[in-house]
Amino acid sequence: ESWNDEWIITYLSSNKITGLSHEIDVMENLDLITVNPSGSIDLKPGWEKRVPQIILIDMKEWGTEVDPHNLFCIHPSVKSALEMAWERVDDYGWRYANETDAIEENNEVVFDDEEYYLRKQIFEENFNNFVNEDSGMGNFGI
């Protein structure tokens, strides 16, 4: 029976089925989590300062104010840690909220939204070109 449980876990966490193991690897490489010898996963201290910009942009949709009933099922400790660590600078970008000295000195924006959206647009165009070339159909396919 234990072999069956291990097989189910291996199957469901495989990259071909859910991609869960890839996501864990990415979060570990970003230094957000650690996988303990027992197999449990913990957030590393200071993880909230190392999140990628896409998480902060997504937070506009699932933050406490816009999602008071937690319809996105984000753990309250994750929400509160990110909301305490980051603050939105108008519609320009994100900066650390907890470092008042840095904010008072130069009001530095850590993540610029304009740069992110430009990178996203370039990625999407390249991906669309790749898919069109791979399928052999161009933009005006059947």
C-alpha atoms as a PDB file:
ATOM      1  CA  GLU A   1       0.000   0.000   0.000  1.00  0.00           C
ATOM      2  CA  SER A   2       2.825   2.471   0.755  1.00  0.00           C
ATOM      3  CA  TRP A   3       4.208   1.896  -2.756  1.00  0.00           C
ATOM      4  CA  ASN A   4       0.842   2.861  -4.158  1.00  0.00           C
ATOM      5  CA  ASP A   5       0.851   6.143  -2.174  1.00  0.00           C
ATOM      6  CA  GLU A   6       4.379   6.945  -3.340  1.00  0.00           C
ATOM      7  CA  TRP A   7       3.436   6.209  -6.946  1.00  0.00           C
ATOM      8  CA  ILE A   8       0.380   8.485  -6.745  1.00  0.00           C
ATOM      9  CA  ILE A   9       2.449  11.319  -5.254  1.00  0.00           C
ATOM     10  CA  THR A  10       5.175  10.865  -7.872  1.00  0.00           C
ATOM     11  CA  TYR A  11       2.618  10.759 -10.668  1.00  0.00           C
ATOM     12  CA  LEU A  12       0.651  13.820  -9.511  1.00  0.00           C
ATOM     13  CA  SER A  13       3.756  15.918  -8.877  1.00  0.00           C
ATOM     14  CA  SER A  14       5.403  15.058 -12.191  1.00  0.00           C
ATOM     15  CA  ASN A  15       6.062  17.795 -14.733  1.00  0.00           C
ATOM     16  CA  LYS A  16       4.015  16.019 -17.386  1.00  0.00           C
ATOM     17  CA  ILE A  17       0.873  15.925 -15.244  1.00  0.00           C
ATOM     18  CA  THR A  18       0.785  19.052 -13.070  1.00  0.00           C
ATOM     19  CA  GLY A  19       4.215  20.668 -13.241  1.00  0.00           C
ATOM     20  CA  LEU A  20       4.234  20.847  -9.448  1.00  0.00           C
ATOM     21  CA  SER A  21       7.809  19.618  -9.112  1.00  0.00           C
ATOM     22  CA  HIS A  22       8.963  22.288 -11.587  1.00  0.00           C
ATOM     23  CA  GLU A  23       7.178  24.979  -9.576  1.00  0.00           C
ATOM     24  CA  ILE A  24       8.844  23.774  -6.384  1.00  0.00           C
ATOM     25  CA  ASP A  25      12.240  23.824  -8.116  1.00  0.00           C
ATOM     26  CA  VAL A  26      11.653  27.373  -9.342  1.00  0.00           C
ATOM     27  CA  MET A  27      10.601  28.618  -5.902  1.00  0.00           C
ATOM     28  CA  GLU A  28      13.613  26.894  -4.360  1.00  0.00           C
ATOM     29  CA  ASN A  29      15.953  28.496  -6.932  1.00  0.00           C
ATOM     30  CA  LEU A  30      14.392  31.916  -6.226  1.00  0.00           C
ATOM     31  CA  ASP A  31      15.317  31.297  -2.571  1.00  0.00           C
ATOM     32  CA  LEU A  32      11.663  31.516  -1.487  1.00  0.00           C
ATOM     33  CA  ILE A  33      11.303  28.043   0.000  1.00  0.00           C
ATOM     34  CA  THR A  34      13.360  25.250   1.432  1.00  0.00           C
ATOM     35  CA  VAL A  35      12.597  21.552   1.165  1.00  0.00           C
ATOM     36  CA  ASN A  36      13.403  19.849   4.458  1.00  0.00           C
ATOM     37  CA  PRO A  37      14.933  16.355   4.602  1.00  0.00           C
ATOM     38  CA  SER A  38      11.528  15.082   5.731  1.00  0.00           C
ATOM     39  CA  GLY A  39      10.025  16.412   2.482  1.00  0.00           C
ATOM     40  CA  SER A  40       8.073  19.273   4.012  1.00  0.00           C
ATOM     41  CA  ILE A  41       8.302  22.712   2.431  1.00  0.00           C
ATOM     42  CA  ASP A  42       8.864  25.910   4.418  1.00  0.00           C
ATOM     43  CA  LEU A  43       9.053  29.542   3.423  1.00  0.00           C
ATOM     44  CA  LYS A  44      12.547  30.914   3.994  1.00  0.00           C
ATOM     45  CA  PRO A  45      13.024  33.941   6.239  1.00  0.00           C
ATOM     46  CA  GLY A  46      12.764  37.115   4.167  1.00  0.00           C
ATOM     47  CA  TRP A  47      11.039  35.315   1.276  1.00  0.00           C
ATOM     48  CA  GLU A  48       8.627  38.216   0.789  1.00  0.00           C
ATOM     49  CA  LYS A  49      11.456  40.466  -0.440  1.00  0.00           C
ATOM     50  CA  ARG A  50      12.531  37.951  -3.075  1.00  0.00           C
ATOM     51  CA  VAL A  51       9.190  37.371  -4.792  1.00  0.00           C
ATOM     52  CA  PRO A  52       9.134  37.973  -8.529  1.00  0.00           C
ATOM     53  CA  GLN A  53       7.292  41.019  -9.829  1.00  0.00           C
ATOM     54  CA  ILE A  54       4.478  38.939 -11.336  1.00  0.00           C
ATOM     55  CA  ILE A  55       3.390  37.948  -7.820  1.00  0.00           C
ATOM     56  CA  LEU A  56       3.069  41.599  -6.836  1.00  0.00           C
ATOM     57  CA  ILE A  57       1.150  42.426 -10.003  1.00  0.00           C
ATOM     58  CA  ASP A  58      -1.179  39.494  -9.357  1.00  0.00           C
ATOM     59  CA  MET A  59      -1.581  40.703  -5.768  1.00  0.00           C
ATOM     60  CA  LYS A  60      -3.616  43.610  -7.149  1.00  0.00           C
ATOM     61  CA  GLU A  61      -6.333  41.000  -7.806  1.00  0.00           C
ATOM     62  CA  TRP A  62      -6.112  38.947  -4.610  1.00  0.00           C
ATOM     63  CA  GLY A  63      -4.949  41.423  -1.989  1.00  0.00           C
ATOM     64  CA  THR A  64      -6.944  41.820   1.213  1.00  0.00           C
ATOM     65  CA  GLU A  65      -8.826  44.905   0.020  1.00  0.00           C
ATOM     66  CA  VAL A  66      -9.928  43.511  -3.350  1.00  0.00           C
ATOM     67  CA  ASP A  67     -10.536  39.948  -2.175  1.00  0.00           C
ATOM     68  CA  PRO A  68     -11.861  40.228   1.398  1.00  0.00           C
ATOM     69  CA  HIS A  69     -13.516  36.776   1.202  1.00  0.00           C
ATOM     70  CA  ASN A  70     -10.298  35.106  -0.017  1.00  0.00           C
ATOM     71  CA  LEU A  71     -11.813  33.684  -3.188  1.00  0.00           C
ATOM     72  CA  PHE A  72      -8.301  33.090  -4.554  1.00  0.00           C
ATOM     73  CA  CYS A  73      -7.475  30.890  -1.514  1.00  0.00           C
ATOM     74  CA  ILE A  74      -4.193  32.639  -0.696  1.00  0.00           C
ATOM     75  CA  HIS A  75      -3.092  31.865   2.846  1.00  0.00           C
ATOM     76  CA  PRO A  76      -3.640  34.915   5.103  1.00  0.00           C
ATOM     77  CA  SER A  77      -0.030  34.820   6.332  1.00  0.00           C
ATOM     78  CA  VAL A  78       1.230  35.064   2.732  1.00  0.00           C
ATOM     79  CA  LYS A  79      -1.115  37.954   1.977  1.00  0.00           C
ATOM     80  CA  SER A  80      -0.212  39.889   5.097  1.00  0.00           C
ATOM     81  CA  ALA A  81       3.551  39.326   4.673  1.00  0.00           C
ATOM     82  CA  LEU A  82       3.493  40.623   1.110  1.00  0.00           C
ATOM     83  CA  GLU A  83       1.215  43.546   1.949  1.00  0.00           C
ATOM     84  CA  MET A  84       3.509  44.540   4.807  1.00  0.00           C
ATOM     85  CA  ALA A  85       6.717  44.155   2.764  1.00  0.00           C
ATOM     86  CA  TRP A  86       5.648  45.951  -0.426  1.00  0.00           C
ATOM     87  CA  GLU A  87       3.732  49.069  -1.289  1.00  0.00           C
ATOM     88  CA  ARG A  88       2.366  50.270  -4.573  1.00  0.00           C
ATOM     89  CA  VAL A  89       3.753  53.551  -5.922  1.00  0.00           C
ATOM     90  CA  ASP A  90       0.772  55.037  -7.780  1.00  0.00           C
ATOM     91  CA  ASP A  91       0.563  53.171 -11.079  1.00  0.00           C
ATOM     92  CA  TYR A  92       4.318  53.162 -11.517  1.00  0.00           C
ATOM     93  CA  GLY A  93       5.623  50.141  -9.664  1.00  0.00           C
ATOM     94  CA  TRP A  94       6.489  48.551  -6.327  1.00  0.00           C
ATOM     95  CA  ARG A  95       8.900  49.435  -3.545  1.00  0.00           C
ATOM     96  CA  TYR A  96       9.773  48.023  -0.151  1.00  0.00           C
ATOM     97  CA  ALA A  97       7.381  49.324   2.478  1.00  0.00           C
ATOM     98  CA  ASN A  98       9.370  48.376   5.568  1.00  0.00           C
ATOM     99  CA  GLU A  99      12.574  50.234   4.802  1.00  0.00           C
ATOM    100  CA  THR A 100      11.645  53.802   5.682  1.00  0.00           C
ATOM    101  CA  ASP A 101      15.245  55.059   5.446  1.00  0.00           C
ATOM    102  CA  ALA A 102      15.538  53.949   1.822  1.00  0.00           C
ATOM    103  CA  ILE A 103      12.132  55.398   0.994  1.00  0.00           C
ATOM    104  CA  GLU A 104      12.923  58.762   2.552  1.00  0.00           C
ATOM    105  CA  GLU A 105      16.349  58.962   0.886  1.00  0.00           C
ATOM    106  CA  ASN A 106      15.476  58.261  -2.724  1.00  0.00           C
ATOM    107  CA  ASN A 107      11.939  56.882  -2.897  1.00  0.00           C
ATOM    108  CA  GLU A 108      13.356  54.007  -4.903  1.00  0.00           C
ATOM    109  CA  VAL A 109      11.016  51.822  -6.936  1.00  0.00           C
ATOM    110  CA  VAL A 110      12.253  48.250  -6.976  1.00  0.00           C
ATOM    111  CA  PHE A 111       9.951  46.924  -9.700  1.00  0.00           C
ATOM    112  CA  ASP A 112       8.843  49.170 -12.561  1.00  0.00           C
ATOM    113  CA  ASP A 113       5.524  48.097 -14.106  1.00  0.00           C
ATOM    114  CA  GLU A 114       6.313  49.635 -17.497  1.00  0.00           C
ATOM    115  CA  GLU A 115       9.470  47.547 -17.814  1.00  0.00           C
ATOM    116  CA  TYR A 116       7.573  44.420 -16.761  1.00  0.00           C
ATOM    117  CA  TYR A 117       4.794  44.931 -19.314  1.00  0.00           C
ATOM    118  CA  LEU A 118       7.353  45.589 -22.059  1.00  0.00           C
ATOM    119  CA  ARG A 119       9.137  42.326 -21.227  1.00  0.00           C
ATOM    120  CA  LYS A 120       5.791  40.528 -21.124  1.00  0.00           C
ATOM    121  CA  GLN A 121       4.826  41.888 -24.538  1.00  0.00           C
ATOM    122  CA  ILE A 122       8.160  40.836 -26.051  1.00  0.00           C
ATOM    123  CA  PHE A 123       7.819  37.358 -24.531  1.00  0.00           C
ATOM    124  CA  GLU A 124       4.254  36.949 -25.827  1.00  0.00           C
ATOM    125  CA  GLU A 125       5.252  38.063 -29.333  1.00  0.00           C
ATOM    126  CA  ASN A 126       8.198  35.678 -29.387  1.00  0.00           C
ATOM    127  CA  PHE A 127       6.047  32.848 -28.040  1.00  0.00           C
ATOM    128  CA  ASN A 128       3.313  33.491 -30.642  1.00  0.00           C
ATOM    129  CA  ASN A 129       5.932  33.518 -33.408  1.00  0.00           C
ATOM    130  CA  PHE A 130       7.365  30.252 -32.107  1.00  0.00           C
ATOM    131  CA  VAL A 131       3.938  28.589 -31.955  1.00  0.00           C
ATOM    132  CA  ASN A 132       3.010  29.869 -35.427  1.00  0.00           C
ATOM    133  CA  GLU A 133       6.261  28.577 -36.913  1.00  0.00           C
ATOM    134  CA  ASP A 134       5.975  25.275 -35.053  1.00  0.00           C
ATOM    135  CA  SER A 135       2.401  24.643 -36.207  1.00  0.00           C
ATOM    136  CA  GLY A 136       3.150  25.876 -39.682  1.00  0.00           C
ATOM    137  CA  MET A 137       0.128  28.119 -39.697  1.00  0.00           C
ATOM    138  CA  GLY A 138       0.880  31.859 -39.372  1.00  0.00           C
ATOM    139  CA  ASN A 139      -1.451  34.382 -37.852  1.00  0.00           C
ATOM    140  CA  PHE A 140      -4.059  33.755 -40.559  1.00  0.00           C
ATOM    141  CA  GLY A 141      -4.487  30.025 -40.071  1.00  0.00           C
ATOM    142  CA  ILE A 142      -7.624  28.112 -40.861  1.00  0.00           C
END
